[in-house]
C-alpha atoms as a PDB file:
ATOM      1  CA  MET A   1      11.654  10.655  10.723  1.00  0.00           C
ATOM      2  CA  PRO A   2      13.107   7.581   9.033  1.00  0.00           C
ATOM      3  CA  ARG A   3      10.555   5.184   7.549  1.00  0.00           C
ATOM      4  CA  ILE A   4      10.983   1.427   7.527  1.00  0.00           C
ATOM      5  CA  LEU A   5       8.330  -0.591   5.682  1.00  0.00           C
ATOM      6  CA  GLY A   6       5.776   2.222   5.978  1.00  0.00           C
ATOM      7  CA  VAL A   7       6.326   2.877   9.691  1.00  0.00           C
ATOM      8  CA  ASP A   8       7.820   6.098  11.042  1.00  0.00           C
ATOM      9  CA  ILE A   9      10.425   5.329  13.685  1.00  0.00           C
ATOM     10  CA  PRO A  10      11.640   7.901  16.246  1.00  0.00           C
ATOM     11  CA  LYS A  11      14.774   9.631  14.973  1.00  0.00           C
ATOM     12  CA  GLU A  12      16.390  10.626  18.277  1.00  0.00           C
ATOM     13  CA  LYS A  13      16.413   7.125  19.800  1.00  0.00           C
ATOM     14  CA  LYS A  14      19.036   4.454  19.227  1.00  0.00           C
ATOM     15  CA  ILE A  15      18.113   2.273  16.267  1.00  0.00           C
ATOM     16  CA  GLU A  16      17.886  -0.789  18.543  1.00  0.00           C
ATOM     17  CA  TYR A  17      14.967   0.866  20.368  1.00  0.00           C
ATOM     18  CA  SER A  18      13.477   2.637  17.356  1.00  0.00           C
ATOM     19  CA  LEU A  19      12.943  -0.664  15.529  1.00  0.00           C
ATOM     20  CA  ARG A  20      10.613  -1.782  18.340  1.00  0.00           C
ATOM     21  CA  TYR A  21       8.014   0.715  17.107  1.00  0.00           C
ATOM     22  CA  ILE A  22       7.341  -1.692  14.240  1.00  0.00           C
ATOM     23  CA  TYR A  23       4.585  -4.144  15.221  1.00  0.00           C
ATOM     24  CA  GLY A  24       6.134  -7.614  15.390  1.00  0.00           C
ATOM     25  CA  ILE A  25       9.679  -6.510  16.277  1.00  0.00           C
ATOM     26  CA  GLY A  26      10.675  -6.721  19.921  1.00  0.00           C
ATOM     27  CA  PRO A  27      14.000  -6.475  21.772  1.00  0.00           C
ATOM     28  CA  THR A  28      15.433  -9.826  20.650  1.00  0.00           C
ATOM     29  CA  ARG A  29      14.375  -9.524  17.035  1.00  0.00           C
ATOM     30  CA  ALA A  30      15.710  -5.933  16.843  1.00  0.00           C
ATOM     31  CA  LYS A  31      19.143  -7.133  17.996  1.00  0.00           C
ATOM     32  CA  GLU A  32      19.074 -10.017  15.502  1.00  0.00           C
ATOM     33  CA  LEU A  33      18.167  -7.680  12.628  1.00  0.00           C
ATOM     34  CA  LEU A  34      20.971  -5.231  13.459  1.00  0.00           C
ATOM     35  CA  GLU A  35      23.518  -8.056  13.737  1.00  0.00           C
ATOM     36  CA  ASP A  36      22.328  -9.496  10.432  1.00  0.00           C
ATOM     37  CA  ALA A  37      22.480  -6.084   8.723  1.00  0.00           C
ATOM     38  CA  ASP A  38      25.870  -5.347  10.379  1.00  0.00           C
ATOM     39  CA  ILE A  39      24.755  -2.024  11.903  1.00  0.00           C
ATOM     40  CA  ASP A  40      25.940  -0.572  15.220  1.00  0.00           C
ATOM     41  CA  PRO A  41      22.972  -0.769  17.666  1.00  0.00           C
ATOM     42  CA  ASN A  42      24.144   2.419  19.419  1.00  0.00           C
ATOM     43  CA  LYS A  43      23.661   4.550  16.293  1.00  0.00           C
ATOM     44  CA  ARG A  44      20.736   6.976  16.369  1.00  0.00           C
ATOM     45  CA  ALA A  45      17.978   6.419  13.817  1.00  0.00           C
ATOM     46  CA  HIS A  46      18.551   9.785  12.095  1.00  0.00           C
ATOM     47  CA  GLU A  47      22.247   8.943  11.613  1.00  0.00           C
ATOM     48  CA  LEU A  48      21.449   5.951   9.386  1.00  0.00           C
ATOM     49  CA  SER A  49      22.111   6.263   5.684  1.00  0.00           C
ATOM     50  CA  GLU A  50      19.610   5.186   3.044  1.00  0.00           C
ATOM     51  CA  GLU A  51      21.811   2.150   2.380  1.00  0.00           C
ATOM     52  CA  GLU A  52      21.679   1.063   6.044  1.00  0.00           C
ATOM     53  CA  LEU A  53      17.888   1.444   6.130  1.00  0.00           C
ATOM     54  CA  ASN A  54      17.670  -0.732   3.019  1.00  0.00           C
ATOM     55  CA  LYS A  55      19.879  -3.354   4.714  1.00  0.00           C
ATOM     56  CA  ILE A  56      17.424  -3.504   7.639  1.00  0.00           C
ATOM     57  CA  VAL A  57      14.432  -3.871   5.291  1.00  0.00           C
ATOM     58  CA  GLU A  58      16.286  -6.555   3.327  1.00  0.00           C
ATOM     59  CA  SER A  59      17.123  -8.396   6.563  1.00  0.00           C
ATOM     60  CA  ILE A  60      13.450  -8.374   7.629  1.00  0.00           C
ATOM     61  CA  THR A  61      12.266  -9.753   4.303  1.00  0.00           C
ATOM     62  CA  ARG A  62      15.089 -12.306   3.997  1.00  0.00           C
ATOM     63  CA  ASN A  63      14.353 -13.784   7.443  1.00  0.00           C
ATOM     64  CA  GLY A  64      10.649 -13.967   6.595  1.00  0.00           C
ATOM     65  CA  PHE A  65       9.440 -12.085   9.674  1.00  0.00           C
ATOM     66  CA  LYS A  66       5.777 -11.194   9.605  1.00  0.00           C
ATOM     67  CA  ILE A  67       5.284  -7.613  10.703  1.00  0.00           C
ATOM     68  CA  GLU A  68       2.602  -4.929  10.768  1.00  0.00           C
ATOM     69  CA  GLY A  69      -0.455  -5.737   8.614  1.00  0.00           C
ATOM     70  CA  ASP A  70       0.364  -9.379   7.859  1.00  0.00           C
ATOM     71  CA  LEU A  71       0.958 -10.178  11.536  1.00  0.00           C
ATOM     72  CA  ARG A  72      -2.156  -8.298  12.684  1.00  0.00           C
ATOM     73  CA  ARG A  73      -4.212 -10.188  10.071  1.00  0.00           C
ATOM     74  CA  ASP A  74      -2.842 -13.535  11.283  1.00  0.00           C
ATOM     75  CA  VAL A  75      -3.567 -12.745  14.942  1.00  0.00           C
ATOM     76  CA  MET A  76      -7.125 -11.609  14.146  1.00  0.00           C
ATOM     77  CA  GLY A  77      -7.615 -14.720  11.991  1.00  0.00           C
ATOM     78  CA  ASN A  78      -6.529 -16.943  14.876  1.00  0.00           C
ATOM     79  CA  ILE A  79      -8.963 -15.227  17.247  1.00  0.00           C
ATOM     80  CA  LYS A  80     -11.809 -15.477  14.707  1.00  0.00           C
ATOM     81  CA  ARG A  81     -11.051 -19.198  14.234  1.00  0.00           C
ATOM     82  CA  MET A  82     -11.176 -19.832  17.989  1.00  0.00           C
ATOM     83  CA  GLN A  83     -14.509 -17.997  18.170  1.00  0.00           C
ATOM     84  CA  ALA A  84     -15.897 -19.974  15.227  1.00  0.00           C
ATOM     85  CA  ILE A  85     -15.064 -23.364  16.756  1.00  0.00           C
ATOM     86  CA  ARG A  86     -16.426 -22.159  20.110  1.00  0.00           C
ATOM     87  CA  CYS A  87     -13.324 -23.141  22.069  1.00  0.00           C
ATOM     88  CA  TYR A  88     -12.867 -21.804  25.606  1.00  0.00           C
ATOM     89  CA  ARG A  89     -10.409 -19.098  24.548  1.00  0.00           C
ATOM     90  CA  GLY A  90     -12.686 -18.014  21.708  1.00  0.00           C
ATOM     91  CA  ILE A  91     -15.645 -17.655  24.057  1.00  0.00           C
ATOM     92  CA  ARG A  92     -13.529 -15.598  26.494  1.00  0.00           C
ATOM     93  CA  HIS A  93     -12.532 -13.293  23.616  1.00  0.00           C
ATOM     94  CA  GLN A  94     -16.185 -12.868  22.614  1.00  0.00           C
ATOM     95  CA  ARG A  95     -17.314 -12.043  26.137  1.00  0.00           C
ATOM     96  CA  GLY A  96     -14.439  -9.635  26.754  1.00  0.00           C
ATOM     97  CA  LEU A  97     -13.066 -11.586  29.713  1.00  0.00           C
ATOM     98  CA  PRO A  98      -9.456 -12.554  30.507  1.00  0.00           C
ATOM     99  CA  VAL A  99      -8.296 -15.329  28.183  1.00  0.00           C
ATOM    100  CA  ARG A 100      -5.288 -16.781  29.969  1.00  0.00           C
ATOM    101  CA  GLY A 101      -6.693 -18.099  33.228  1.00  0.00           C
ATOM    102  CA  GLN A 102      -6.622 -14.984  35.396  1.00  0.00           C
ATOM    103  CA  ARG A 103      -9.113 -14.645  38.236  1.00  0.00           C
ATOM    104  CA  THR A 104     -12.218 -12.544  37.620  1.00  0.00           C
ATOM    105  CA  SER A 105     -14.027 -12.424  40.982  1.00  0.00           C
ATOM    106  CA  THR A 106     -11.713  -9.556  41.877  1.00  0.00           C
ATOM    107  CA  ASN A 107      -9.443  -7.649  39.512  1.00  0.00           C
ATOM    108  CA  ALA A 108      -9.735  -8.043  35.686  1.00  0.00           C
ATOM    109  CA  ARG A 109     -11.081  -4.477  35.519  1.00  0.00           C
ATOM    110  CA  THR A 110      -9.112  -3.620  32.402  1.00  0.00           C
ATOM    111  CA  ARG A 111     -10.700  -6.445  30.474  1.00  0.00           C
ATOM    112  CA  LYS A 112     -14.194  -6.285  31.997  1.00  0.00           C
ATOM    113  CA  GLY A 113     -14.577  -2.499  31.925  1.00  0.00           C
ATOM    114  CA  ALA A 114     -16.136  -0.189  34.512  1.00  0.00           C
ATOM    115  CA  ARG A 115     -18.113  -1.752  37.359  1.00  0.00           C
ATOM    116  CA  LYS A 116     -21.822  -2.354  36.740  1.00  0.00           C
ATOM    117  CA  THR A 117     -24.024  -2.535  39.809  1.00  0.00           C
ATOM    118  CA  VAL A 118     -26.387  -5.513  39.600  1.00  0.00           C
ATOM    119  CA  GLY A 119     -29.341  -6.479  41.811  1.00  0.00           C
ATOM    120  CA  VAL A 120     -29.414  -3.648  44.342  1.00  0.00           C
ATOM    121  CA  MET A 121     -33.051  -2.754  45.132  1.00  0.00           C
ATOM    122  CA  LYS A 122     -34.241   0.211  47.165  1.00  0.00           C
ATOM    123  CA  LYS A 123     -36.354  -0.680  50.232  1.00  0.00           C
ATOM    124  CA  LYS A 124     -39.710   1.062  50.772  1.00  0.00           C
END
């Protein structure tokens, strides 16, 4: 498997799709990187030479894209800051509820977790 900046990318997929396995690189950014590095997006990842892999890495660093650890650290820092200043979004993160205005009376099961039965008493 080819490695780019410490991340193994799938070798059988086209490089345009393989690059998306790096956190912080999506479809648009992958296309931009390949254009910048002058690499055919239809090439498979295992067909790339060492020189072409270096061109991709150079393109990422030259454009100043934050990826992997740096990006994760920034995102976590932003969430921690929102929690510290007790803004609405920070409180929603703390409570494990949807952050972006979705309804919670129904749905939101992914965020809220399994159903918890509350207030049902057995009659005697």
